[in-house]
Amino acid sequence: MSVTKTLIAAVPTSEDGKVVSWYIDFKYEKGTKGEADYHSNVFHRTIDSVKKKPSETITRFTPKPEAEWTKADIIAICPISQWDEAFEGQYDSVITNPDKKQSANPDFVIPD
């Protein structure tokens, strides 16, 4: 069964006419909607063009005008492999191997 991945929101933040940050919503779905095998999740992430760490600066993308961005460009800056792994873990714990229901027995009598 395959996972359907859909970019459902991409909100740019611009500075000097160039996008420097994206707010992304990405929906994952697996199974048949309405059936027991269905699970979905929306991942949210703000992706800045530059990530500053104490010891280094990481460039995630080069700022450019909104009109120059394509859907493929936006998807390419998303952490898809992280989301894939997280979603598969969710699917496994919710659908494939859910926690077993435990039940208390209030009528238990302590043996002598």
PDB file of N, CA and C in Angstrom:
ATOM      1  N   MET A   1       0.854  -1.171   0.000  1.00  0.00           N
ATOM      2  CA  MET A   1       0.000   0.000   0.000  1.00  0.00           C
ATOM      3  C   MET A   1       0.904   1.239   0.000  1.00  0.00           C
ATOM      4  N   SER A   2       0.637   2.124  -0.891  1.00  0.00           N
ATOM      5  CA  SER A   2       1.496   3.301  -1.022  1.00  0.00           C
ATOM      6  C   SER A   2       0.988   4.474  -0.180  1.00  0.00           C
ATOM      7  N   VAL A   3       1.892   5.382   0.078  1.00  0.00           N
ATOM      8  CA  VAL A   3       1.591   6.593   0.839  1.00  0.00           C
ATOM      9  C   VAL A   3       1.354   7.728  -0.153  1.00  0.00           C
ATOM     10  N   THR A   4       0.270   8.460   0.037  1.00  0.00           N
ATOM     11  CA  THR A   4      -0.005   9.638  -0.769  1.00  0.00           C
ATOM     12  C   THR A   4       0.507  10.848  -0.006  1.00  0.00           C
ATOM     13  N   LYS A   5       1.324  11.651  -0.670  1.00  0.00           N
ATOM     14  CA  LYS A   5       1.899  12.843  -0.049  1.00  0.00           C
ATOM     15  C   LYS A   5       1.426  14.059  -0.842  1.00  0.00           C
ATOM     16  N   THR A   6       0.872  15.047  -0.133  1.00  0.00           N
ATOM     17  CA  THR A   6       0.314  16.217  -0.799  1.00  0.00           C
ATOM     18  C   THR A   6       0.768  17.498  -0.111  1.00  0.00           C
ATOM     19  N   LEU A   7       1.360  18.379  -0.883  1.00  0.00           N
ATOM     20  CA  LEU A   7       1.699  19.707  -0.376  1.00  0.00           C
ATOM     21  C   LEU A   7       0.388  20.489  -0.313  1.00  0.00           C
ATOM     22  N   ILE A   8      -0.069  20.816   0.904  1.00  0.00           N
ATOM     23  CA  ILE A   8      -1.374  21.465   1.028  1.00  0.00           C
ATOM     24  C   ILE A   8      -1.287  22.955   1.358  1.00  0.00           C
ATOM     25  N   ALA A   9      -0.116  23.409   1.807  1.00  0.00           N
ATOM     26  CA  ALA A   9       0.057  24.840   2.058  1.00  0.00           C
ATOM     27  C   ALA A   9       1.533  25.194   1.944  1.00  0.00           C
ATOM     28  N   ALA A  10       1.776  26.343   1.353  1.00  0.00           N
ATOM     29  CA  ALA A  10       3.132  26.883   1.249  1.00  0.00           C
ATOM     30  C   ALA A  10       3.008  28.403   1.325  1.00  0.00           C
ATOM     31  N   VAL A  11       3.410  28.957   2.462  1.00  0.00           N
ATOM     32  CA  VAL A  11       3.264  30.391   2.699  1.00  0.00           C
ATOM     33  C   VAL A  11       4.664  31.020   2.757  1.00  0.00           C
ATOM     34  N   PRO A  12       4.973  31.860   1.773  1.00  0.00           N
ATOM     35  CA  PRO A  12       6.303  32.470   1.755  1.00  0.00           C
ATOM     36  C   PRO A  12       6.382  33.710   2.634  1.00  0.00           C
ATOM     37  N   THR A  13       7.575  33.947   3.173  1.00  0.00           N
ATOM     38  CA  THR A  13       7.893  35.197   3.860  1.00  0.00           C
ATOM     39  C   THR A  13       9.044  35.807   3.073  1.00  0.00           C
ATOM     40  N   SER A  14       8.848  37.054   2.652  1.00  0.00           N
ATOM     41  CA  SER A  14       9.845  37.688   1.794  1.00  0.00           C
ATOM     42  C   SER A  14      10.549  38.856   2.482  1.00  0.00           C
ATOM     43  N   GLU A  15      11.764  39.103   1.995  1.00  0.00           N
ATOM     44  CA  GLU A  15      12.563  40.238   2.442  1.00  0.00           C
ATOM     45  C   GLU A  15      13.253  40.794   1.195  1.00  0.00           C
ATOM     46  N   ASP A  16      13.107  42.083   0.969  1.00  0.00           N
ATOM     47  CA  ASP A  16      13.683  42.723  -0.225  1.00  0.00           C
ATOM     48  C   ASP A  16      13.250  42.027  -1.518  1.00  0.00           C
ATOM     49  N   GLY A  17      11.984  41.559  -1.538  1.00  0.00           N
ATOM     50  CA  GLY A  17      11.428  40.953  -2.750  1.00  0.00           C
ATOM     51  C   GLY A  17      11.826  39.512  -2.989  1.00  0.00           C
ATOM     52  N   LYS A  18      12.512  38.893  -2.034  1.00  0.00           N
ATOM     53  CA  LYS A  18      12.935  37.498  -2.197  1.00  0.00           C
ATOM     54  C   LYS A  18      12.438  36.662  -1.018  1.00  0.00           C
ATOM     55  N   VAL A  19      12.028  35.435  -1.315  1.00  0.00           N
ATOM     56  CA  VAL A  19      11.540  34.536  -0.271  1.00  0.00           C
ATOM     57  C   VAL A  19      12.717  34.083   0.592  1.00  0.00           C
ATOM     58  N   VAL A  20      12.583  34.308   1.904  1.00  0.00           N
ATOM     59  CA  VAL A  20      13.625  33.913   2.849  1.00  0.00           C
ATOM     60  C   VAL A  20      13.153  32.813   3.797  1.00  0.00           C
ATOM     61  N   SER A  21      11.853  32.503   3.718  1.00  0.00           N
ATOM     62  CA  SER A  21      11.293  31.490   4.605  1.00  0.00           C
ATOM     63  C   SER A  21       9.989  30.964   4.010  1.00  0.00           C
ATOM     64  N   TRP A  22       9.725  29.676   4.247  1.00  0.00           N
ATOM     65  CA  TRP A  22       8.471  29.057   3.839  1.00  0.00           C
ATOM     66  C   TRP A  22       7.829  28.394   5.046  1.00  0.00           C
ATOM     67  N   TYR A  23       6.507  28.579   5.192  1.00  0.00           N
ATOM     68  CA  TYR A  23       5.737  27.784   6.151  1.00  0.00           C
ATOM     69  C   TYR A  23       5.054  26.711   5.319  1.00  0.00           C
ATOM     70  N   ILE A  24       5.299  25.452   5.632  1.00  0.00           N
ATOM     71  CA  ILE A  24       4.833  24.329   4.825  1.00  0.00           C
ATOM     72  C   ILE A  24       3.867  23.444   5.611  1.00  0.00           C
ATOM     73  N   ASP A  25       2.783  23.009   4.967  1.00  0.00           N
ATOM     74  CA  ASP A  25       1.901  21.941   5.461  1.00  0.00           C
ATOM     75  C   ASP A  25       1.944  20.836   4.416  1.00  0.00           C
ATOM     76  N   PHE A  26       2.263  19.628   4.851  1.00  0.00           N
ATOM     77  CA  PHE A  26       2.408  18.492   3.940  1.00  0.00           C
ATOM     78  C   PHE A  26       1.595  17.341   4.502  1.00  0.00           C
ATOM     79  N   LYS A  27       0.610  16.858   3.737  1.00  0.00           N
ATOM     80  CA  LYS A  27      -0.280  15.801   4.215  1.00  0.00           C
ATOM     81  C   LYS A  27       0.163  14.435   3.699  1.00  0.00           C
ATOM     82  N   TYR A  28       0.193  13.478   4.617  1.00  0.00           N
ATOM     83  CA  TYR A  28       0.491  12.084   4.299  1.00  0.00           C
ATOM     84  C   TYR A  28      -0.775  11.264   4.544  1.00  0.00           C
ATOM     85  N   GLU A  29      -1.074  10.324   3.631  1.00  0.00           N
ATOM     86  CA  GLU A  29      -2.217   9.431   3.792  1.00  0.00           C
ATOM     87  C   GLU A  29      -1.837   8.029   3.322  1.00  0.00           C
ATOM     88  N   LYS A  30      -2.354   7.037   4.039  1.00  0.00           N
ATOM     89  CA  LYS A  30      -2.118   5.648   3.650  1.00  0.00           C
ATOM     90  C   LYS A  30      -3.356   4.851   4.015  1.00  0.00           C
ATOM     91  N   GLY A  31      -3.742   3.942   3.146  1.00  0.00           N
ATOM     92  CA  GLY A  31      -4.926   3.120   3.375  1.00  0.00           C
ATOM     93  C   GLY A  31      -6.124   3.676   2.639  1.00  0.00           C
ATOM     94  N   THR A  32      -7.271   3.130   2.954  1.00  0.00           N
ATOM     95  CA  THR A  32      -8.521   3.523   2.302  1.00  0.00           C
ATOM     96  C   THR A  32      -9.345   4.355   3.270  1.00  0.00           C
ATOM     97  N   LYS A  33      -9.623   5.593   2.873  1.00  0.00           N
ATOM     98  CA  LYS A  33     -10.388   6.505   3.736  1.00  0.00           C
ATOM     99  C   LYS A  33     -11.687   5.823   4.178  1.00  0.00           C
ATOM    100  N   GLY A  34     -11.961   5.879   5.469  1.00  0.00           N
ATOM    101  CA  GLY A  34     -13.166   5.268   6.018  1.00  0.00           C
ATOM    102  C   GLY A  34     -12.983   3.817   6.438  1.00  0.00           C
ATOM    103  N   GLU A  35     -11.830   3.235   6.114  1.00  0.00           N
ATOM    104  CA  GLU A  35     -11.554   1.842   6.469  1.00  0.00           C
ATOM    105  C   GLU A  35     -10.564   1.791   7.636  1.00  0.00           C
ATOM    106  N   ALA A  36     -10.442   0.601   8.237  1.00  0.00           N
ATOM    107  CA  ALA A  36      -9.569   0.423   9.403  1.00  0.00           C
ATOM    108  C   ALA A  36      -8.088   0.611   9.081  1.00  0.00           C
ATOM    109  N   ASP A  37      -7.723   0.497   7.799  1.00  0.00           N
ATOM    110  CA  ASP A  37      -6.304   0.626   7.433  1.00  0.00           C
ATOM    111  C   ASP A  37      -5.891   2.061   7.107  1.00  0.00           C
ATOM    112  N   TYR A  38      -6.804   3.018   7.284  1.00  0.00           N
ATOM    113  CA  TYR A  38      -6.521   4.410   6.909  1.00  0.00           C
ATOM    114  C   TYR A  38      -5.882   5.195   8.054  1.00  0.00           C
ATOM    115  N   HIS A  39      -4.834   5.947   7.695  1.00  0.00           N
ATOM    116  CA  HIS A  39      -4.204   6.864   8.649  1.00  0.00           C
ATOM    117  C   HIS A  39      -3.710   8.075   7.871  1.00  0.00           C
ATOM    118  N   SER A  40      -3.827   9.256   8.475  1.00  0.00           N
ATOM    119  CA  SER A  40      -3.310  10.466   7.840  1.00  0.00           C
ATOM    120  C   SER A  40      -2.664  11.353   8.891  1.00  0.00           C
ATOM    121  N   ASN A  41      -1.774  12.204   8.418  1.00  0.00           N
ATOM    122  CA  ASN A  41      -1.121  13.170   9.298  1.00  0.00           C
ATOM    123  C   ASN A  41      -0.663  14.351   8.452  1.00  0.00           C
ATOM    124  N   VAL A  42      -0.701  15.535   9.044  1.00  0.00           N
ATOM    125  CA  VAL A  42      -0.181  16.724   8.371  1.00  0.00           C
ATOM    126  C   VAL A  42       1.062  17.176   9.134  1.00  0.00           C
ATOM    127  N   PHE A  43       2.162  17.261   8.408  1.00  0.00           N
ATOM    128  CA  PHE A  43       3.407  17.761   8.983  1.00  0.00           C
ATOM    129  C   PHE A  43       3.491  19.259   8.702  1.00  0.00           C
ATOM    130  N   HIS A  44       3.898  20.026   9.697  1.00  0.00           N
ATOM    131  CA  HIS A  44       4.028  21.480   9.597  1.00  0.00           C
ATOM    132  C   HIS A  44       5.492  21.837   9.821  1.00  0.00           C
ATOM    133  N   ARG A  45       5.997  22.762   9.041  1.00  0.00           N
ATOM    134  CA  ARG A  45       7.399  23.153   9.234  1.00  0.00           C
ATOM    135  C   ARG A  45       7.620  24.542   8.660  1.00  0.00           C
ATOM    136  N   THR A  46       8.371  25.348   9.380  1.00  0.00           N
ATOM    137  CA  THR A  46       8.877  26.600   8.837  1.00  0.00           C
ATOM    138  C   THR A  46      10.310  26.328   8.419  1.00  0.00           C
ATOM    139  N   ILE A  47      10.612  26.622   7.162  1.00  0.00           N
ATOM    140  CA  ILE A  47      11.936  26.373   6.617  1.00  0.00           C
ATOM    141  C   ILE A  47      12.553  27.712   6.229  1.00  0.00           C
ATOM    142  N   ASP A  48      13.562  28.114   6.978  1.00  0.00           N
ATOM    143  CA  ASP A  48      14.277  29.359   6.703  1.00  0.00           C
ATOM    144  C   ASP A  48      15.384  29.103   5.695  1.00  0.00           C
ATOM    145  N   SER A  49      15.725  30.118   4.923  1.00  0.00           N
ATOM    146  CA  SER A  49      16.785  29.962   3.921  1.00  0.00           C
ATOM    147  C   SER A  49      18.123  29.669   4.579  1.00  0.00           C
ATOM    148  N   VAL A  50      18.314  30.210   5.778  1.00  0.00           N
ATOM    149  CA  VAL A  50      19.562  29.999   6.505  1.00  0.00           C
ATOM    150  C   VAL A  50      19.239  29.562   7.925  1.00  0.00           C
ATOM    151  N   LYS A  51      19.937  28.530   8.368  1.00  0.00           N
ATOM    152  CA  LYS A  51      19.800  28.067   9.750  1.00  0.00           C
ATOM    153  C   LYS A  51      21.121  28.338  10.451  1.00  0.00           C
ATOM    154  N   LYS A  52      21.038  29.127  11.514  1.00  0.00           N
ATOM    155  CA  LYS A  52      22.257  29.489  12.252  1.00  0.00           C
ATOM    156  C   LYS A  52      22.370  28.632  13.505  1.00  0.00           C
ATOM    157  N   LYS A  53      23.522  27.983  13.614  1.00  0.00           N
ATOM    158  CA  LYS A  53      23.861  27.205  14.802  1.00  0.00           C
ATOM    159  C   LYS A  53      25.033  27.914  15.456  1.00  0.00           C
ATOM    160  N   PRO A  54      25.302  27.613  16.717  1.00  0.00           N
ATOM    161  CA  PRO A  54      26.435  28.277  17.378  1.00  0.00           C
ATOM    162  C   PRO A  54      27.764  28.085  16.640  1.00  0.00           C
ATOM    163  N   SER A  55      27.951  26.916  16.051  1.00  0.00           N
ATOM    164  CA  SER A  55      29.249  26.636  15.429  1.00  0.00           C
ATOM    165  C   SER A  55      29.253  26.751  13.904  1.00  0.00           C
ATOM    166  N   GLU A  56      28.069  26.902  13.299  1.00  0.00           N
ATOM    167  CA  GLU A  56      28.028  26.967  11.843  1.00  0.00           C
ATOM    168  C   GLU A  56      26.729  27.600  11.340  1.00  0.00           C
ATOM    169  N   THR A  57      26.743  27.968  10.076  1.00  0.00           N
ATOM    170  CA  THR A  57      25.556  28.479   9.397  1.00  0.00           C
ATOM    171  C   THR A  57      25.276  27.547   8.223  1.00  0.00           C
ATOM    172  N   ILE A  58      24.034  27.068   8.155  1.00  0.00           N
ATOM    173  CA  ILE A  58      23.646  26.136   7.097  1.00  0.00           C
ATOM    174  C   ILE A  58      22.703  26.856   6.132  1.00  0.00           C
ATOM    175  N   THR A  59      23.054  26.858   4.853  1.00  0.00           N
ATOM    176  CA  THR A  59      22.180  27.442   3.841  1.00  0.00           C
ATOM    177  C   THR A  59      21.261  26.351   3.323  1.00  0.00           C
ATOM    178  N   ARG A  60      19.950  26.544   3.516  1.00  0.00           N
ATOM    179  CA  ARG A  60      18.967  25.550   3.075  1.00  0.00           C
ATOM    180  C   ARG A  60      18.490  25.818   1.649  1.00  0.00           C
ATOM    181  N   PHE A  61      18.387  27.092   1.306  1.00  0.00           N
ATOM    182  CA  PHE A  61      18.045  27.464  -0.069  1.00  0.00           C
ATOM    183  C   PHE A  61      18.475  28.900  -0.310  1.00  0.00           C
ATOM    184  N   THR A  62      18.618  29.238  -1.581  1.00  0.00           N
ATOM    185  CA  THR A  62      18.994  30.592  -1.966  1.00  0.00           C
ATOM    186  C   THR A  62      17.723  31.415  -2.170  1.00  0.00           C
ATOM    187  N   PRO A  63      17.574  32.530  -1.468  1.00  0.00           N
ATOM    188  CA  PRO A  63      16.390  33.366  -1.641  1.00  0.00           C
ATOM    189  C   PRO A  63      16.219  33.812  -3.094  1.00  0.00           C
ATOM    190  N   LYS A  64      14.965  33.803  -3.544  1.00  0.00           N
ATOM    191  CA  LYS A  64      14.634  34.292  -4.879  1.00  0.00           C
ATOM    192  C   LYS A  64      13.184  34.767  -4.858  1.00  0.00           C
ATOM    193  N   PRO A  65      12.770  35.554  -5.862  1.00  0.00           N
ATOM    194  CA  PRO A  65      11.402  36.078  -5.884  1.00  0.00           C
ATOM    195  C   PRO A  65      10.356  34.961  -5.899  1.00  0.00           C
ATOM    196  N   GLU A  66       9.196  35.233  -5.314  1.00  0.00           N
ATOM    197  CA  GLU A  66       8.104  34.248  -5.263  1.00  0.00           C
ATOM    198  C   GLU A  66       7.795  33.661  -6.634  1.00  0.00           C
ATOM    199  N   ALA A  67       7.747  34.504  -7.659  1.00  0.00           N
ATOM    200  CA  ALA A  67       7.362  34.062  -8.998  1.00  0.00           C
ATOM    201  C   ALA A  67       8.331  33.037  -9.594  1.00  0.00           C
ATOM    202  N   GLU A  68       9.525  32.953  -9.058  1.00  0.00           N
ATOM    203  CA  GLU A  68      10.509  32.005  -9.580  1.00  0.00           C
ATOM    204  C   GLU A  68      10.439  30.630  -8.921  1.00  0.00           C
ATOM    205  N   TRP A  69       9.643  30.504  -7.868  1.00  0.00           N
ATOM    206  CA  TRP A  69       9.511  29.218  -7.180  1.00  0.00           C
ATOM    207  C   TRP A  69       8.508  28.323  -7.897  1.00  0.00           C
ATOM    208  N   THR A  70       8.822  27.044  -7.986  1.00  0.00           N
ATOM    209  CA  THR A  70       7.884  26.053  -8.514  1.00  0.00           C
ATOM    210  C   THR A  70       7.476  25.124  -7.368  1.00  0.00           C
ATOM    211  N   LYS A  71       6.453  24.356  -7.603  1.00  0.00           N
ATOM    212  CA  LYS A  71       6.040  23.370  -6.599  1.00  0.00           C
ATOM    213  C   LYS A  71       7.194  22.404  -6.321  1.00  0.00           C
ATOM    214  N   ALA A  72       7.877  21.981  -7.361  1.00  0.00           N
ATOM    215  CA  ALA A  72       9.015  21.065  -7.199  1.00  0.00           C
ATOM    216  C   ALA A  72      10.119  21.695  -6.347  1.00  0.00           C
ATOM    217  N   ASP A  73      10.367  22.995  -6.529  1.00  0.00           N
ATOM    218  CA  ASP A  73      11.373  23.692  -5.711  1.00  0.00           C
ATOM    219  C   ASP A  73      10.998  23.650  -4.227  1.00  0.00           C
ATOM    220  N   ILE A  74       9.726  23.887  -3.960  1.00  0.00           N
ATOM    221  CA  ILE A  74       9.256  23.920  -2.573  1.00  0.00           C
ATOM    222  C   ILE A  74       9.358  22.532  -1.944  1.00  0.00           C
ATOM    223  N   ILE A  75       8.926  21.517  -2.671  1.00  0.00           N
ATOM    224  CA  ILE A  75       9.003  20.146  -2.161  1.00  0.00           C
ATOM    225  C   ILE A  75      10.463  19.750  -1.916  1.00  0.00           C
ATOM    226  N   ALA A  76      11.349  20.216  -2.775  1.00  0.00           N
ATOM    227  CA  ALA A  76      12.773  19.856  -2.659  1.00  0.00           C
ATOM    228  C   ALA A  76      13.420  20.365  -1.371  1.00  0.00           C
ATOM    229  N   ILE A  77      12.891  21.428  -0.772  1.00  0.00           N
ATOM    230  CA  ILE A  77      13.488  21.936   0.474  1.00  0.00           C
ATOM    231  C   ILE A  77      12.852  21.318   1.720  1.00  0.00           C
ATOM    232  N   CYS A  78      11.829  20.494   1.526  1.00  0.00           N
ATOM    233  CA  CYS A  78      11.152  19.850   2.659  1.00  0.00           C
ATOM    234  C   CYS A  78      11.947  18.638   3.143  1.00  0.00           C
ATOM    235  N   PRO A  79      11.865  18.352   4.441  1.00  0.00           N
ATOM    236  CA  PRO A  79      12.573  17.191   4.995  1.00  0.00           C
ATOM    237  C   PRO A  79      11.773  15.897   4.779  1.00  0.00           C
ATOM    238  N   ILE A  80      11.583  15.538   3.520  1.00  0.00           N
ATOM    239  CA  ILE A  80      10.733  14.399   3.149  1.00  0.00           C
ATOM    240  C   ILE A  80      11.189  13.098   3.815  1.00  0.00           C
ATOM    241  N   SER A  81      12.477  12.829   3.832  1.00  0.00           N
ATOM    242  CA  SER A  81      12.933  11.557   4.417  1.00  0.00           C
ATOM    243  C   SER A  81      12.588  11.479   5.907  1.00  0.00           C
ATOM    244  N   GLN A  82      12.685  12.597   6.621  1.00  0.00           N
ATOM    245  CA  GLN A  82      12.295  12.619   8.040  1.00  0.00           C
ATOM    246  C   GLN A  82      10.804  12.359   8.179  1.00  0.00           C
ATOM    247  N   TRP A  83      10.007  13.019   7.350  1.00  0.00           N
ATOM    248  CA  TRP A  83       8.558  12.850   7.416  1.00  0.00           C
ATOM    249  C   TRP A  83       8.155  11.433   7.019  1.00  0.00           C
ATOM    250  N   ASP A  84       8.829  10.861   6.012  1.00  0.00           N
ATOM    251  CA  ASP A  84       8.543   9.479   5.603  1.00  0.00           C
ATOM    252  C   ASP A  84       8.724   8.535   6.799  1.00  0.00           C
ATOM    253  N   GLU A  85       9.857   8.676   7.465  1.00  0.00           N
ATOM    254  CA  GLU A  85      10.171   7.807   8.596  1.00  0.00           C
ATOM    255  C   GLU A  85       9.172   8.000   9.739  1.00  0.00           C
ATOM    256  N   ALA A  86       8.856   9.240  10.050  1.00  0.00           N
ATOM    257  CA  ALA A  86       7.893   9.530  11.122  1.00  0.00           C
ATOM    258  C   ALA A  86       6.521   8.958  10.793  1.00  0.00           C
ATOM    259  N   PHE A  87       6.076   9.142   9.553  1.00  0.00           N
ATOM    260  CA  PHE A  87       4.746   8.649   9.174  1.00  0.00           C
ATOM    261  C   PHE A  87       4.693   7.126   9.215  1.00  0.00           C
ATOM    262  N   GLU A  88       5.730   6.462   8.724  1.00  0.00           N
ATOM    263  CA  GLU A  88       5.742   4.994   8.757  1.00  0.00           C
ATOM    264  C   GLU A  88       5.702   4.492  10.198  1.00  0.00           C
ATOM    265  N   GLY A  89       6.397   5.181  11.099  1.00  0.00           N
ATOM    266  CA  GLY A  89       6.342   4.816  12.519  1.00  0.00           C
ATOM    267  C   GLY A  89       4.947   5.004  13.096  1.00  0.00           C
ATOM    268  N   GLN A  90       4.298   6.107  12.717  1.00  0.00           N
ATOM    269  CA  GLN A  90       2.925   6.348  13.168  1.00  0.00           C
ATOM    270  C   GLN A  90       1.997   5.267  12.645  1.00  0.00           C
ATOM    271  N   TYR A  91       2.115   4.967  11.356  1.00  0.00           N
ATOM    272  CA  TYR A  91       1.241   3.969  10.738  1.00  0.00           C
ATOM    273  C   TYR A  91       1.422   2.623  11.433  1.00  0.00           C
ATOM    274  N   ASP A  92       2.667   2.272  11.684  1.00  0.00           N
ATOM    275  CA  ASP A  92       2.946   0.998  12.335  1.00  0.00           C
ATOM    276  C   ASP A  92       2.325   0.945  13.730  1.00  0.00           C
ATOM    277  N   SER A  93       2.481   2.016  14.515  1.00  0.00           N
ATOM    278  CA  SER A  93       1.979   1.988  15.890  1.00  0.00           C
ATOM    279  C   SER A  93       0.466   2.176  15.983  1.00  0.00           C
ATOM    280  N   VAL A  94      -0.153   2.806  14.997  1.00  0.00           N
ATOM    281  CA  VAL A  94      -1.592   3.055  15.047  1.00  0.00           C
ATOM    282  C   VAL A  94      -2.386   1.977  14.291  1.00  0.00           C
ATOM    283  N   ILE A  95      -1.875   1.531  13.147  1.00  0.00           N
ATOM    284  CA  ILE A  95      -2.625   0.604  12.286  1.00  0.00           C
ATOM    285  C   ILE A  95      -2.075  -0.821  12.330  1.00  0.00           C
ATOM    286  N   THR A  96      -0.787  -0.987  12.044  1.00  0.00           N
ATOM    287  CA  THR A  96      -0.213  -2.327  11.921  1.00  0.00           C
ATOM    288  C   THR A  96      -0.058  -3.033  13.263  1.00  0.00           C
ATOM    289  N   ASN A  97       0.503  -2.343  14.243  1.00  0.00           N
ATOM    290  CA  ASN A  97       0.767  -2.950  15.563  1.00  0.00           C
ATOM    291  C   ASN A  97       0.278  -2.048  16.697  1.00  0.00           C
ATOM    292  N   PRO A  98      -1.044  -1.812  16.757  1.00  0.00           N
ATOM    293  CA  PRO A  98      -1.533  -0.916  17.817  1.00  0.00           C
ATOM    294  C   PRO A  98      -1.349  -1.541  19.200  1.00  0.00           C
ATOM    295  N   ASP A  99      -1.318  -0.696  20.214  1.00  0.00           N
ATOM    296  CA  ASP A  99      -1.236  -1.206  21.578  1.00  0.00           C
ATOM    297  C   ASP A  99      -2.440  -2.091  21.850  1.00  0.00           C
ATOM    298  N   LYS A 100      -2.197  -3.169  22.573  1.00  0.00           N
ATOM    299  CA  LYS A 100      -3.307  -4.056  22.942  1.00  0.00           C
ATOM    300  C   LYS A 100      -4.086  -3.404  24.077  1.00  0.00           C
ATOM    301  N   LYS A 101      -5.404  -3.602  24.035  1.00  0.00           N
ATOM    302  CA  LYS A 101      -6.243  -3.047  25.101  1.00  0.00           C
ATOM    303  C   LYS A 101      -6.041  -3.837  26.378  1.00  0.00           C
ATOM    304  N   GLN A 102      -5.849  -3.115  27.445  1.00  0.00           N
ATOM    305  CA  GLN A 102      -5.734  -3.742  28.757  1.00  0.00           C
ATOM    306  C   GLN A 102      -7.047  -3.539  29.484  1.00  0.00           C
ATOM    307  N   SER A 103      -7.379  -4.494  30.326  1.00  0.00           N
ATOM    308  CA  SER A 103      -8.614  -4.337  31.092  1.00  0.00           C
ATOM    309  C   SER A 103      -8.374  -4.727  32.543  1.00  0.00           C
ATOM    310  N   ALA A 104      -8.933  -3.932  33.406  1.00  0.00           N
ATOM    311  CA  ALA A 104      -8.828  -4.193  34.841  1.00  0.00           C
ATOM    312  C   ALA A 104      -9.956  -5.131  35.258  1.00  0.00           C
ATOM    313  N   ASN A 105      -9.697  -5.941  36.269  1.00  0.00           N
ATOM    314  CA  ASN A 105     -10.718  -6.840  36.792  1.00  0.00           C
ATOM    315  C   ASN A 105     -11.038  -6.418  38.221  1.00  0.00           C
ATOM    316  N   PRO A 106     -12.049  -5.557  38.401  1.00  0.00           N
ATOM    317  CA  PRO A 106     -12.384  -5.083  39.752  1.00  0.00           C
ATOM    318  C   PRO A 106     -12.990  -6.190  40.619  1.00  0.00           C
ATOM    319  N   ASP A 107     -13.373  -7.317  40.011  1.00  0.00           N
ATOM    320  CA  ASP A 107     -13.989  -8.419  40.763  1.00  0.00           C
ATOM    321  C   ASP A 107     -12.975  -9.449  41.246  1.00  0.00           C
ATOM    322  N   PHE A 108     -11.688  -9.213  40.981  1.00  0.00           N
ATOM    323  CA  PHE A 108     -10.657 -10.152  41.385  1.00  0.00           C
ATOM    324  C   PHE A 108     -10.658 -10.320  42.899  1.00  0.00           C
ATOM    325  N   VAL A 109     -10.595 -11.574  43.322  1.00  0.00           N
ATOM    326  CA  VAL A 109     -10.549 -11.885  44.754  1.00  0.00           C
ATOM    327  C   VAL A 109      -9.145 -12.387  45.056  1.00  0.00           C
ATOM    328  N   ILE A 110      -8.534 -11.795  46.056  1.00  0.00           N
ATOM    329  CA  ILE A 110      -7.193 -12.209  46.454  1.00  0.00           C
ATOM    330  C   ILE A 110      -7.293 -13.599  47.077  1.00  0.00           C
ATOM    331  N   PRO A 111      -6.521 -14.540  46.533  1.00  0.00           N
ATOM    332  CA  PRO A 111      -6.601 -15.890  47.093  1.00  0.00           C
ATOM    333  C   PRO A 111      -5.993 -15.965  48.496  1.00  0.00           C
ATOM    334  N   ASP A 112      -6.479 -16.920  49.244  1.00  0.00           N
ATOM    335  CA  ASP A 112      -5.967 -17.133  50.610  1.00  0.00           C
ATOM    336  C   ASP A 112      -4.589 -17.726  50.564  1.00  0.00           C
TER     337      ASP A 112
END
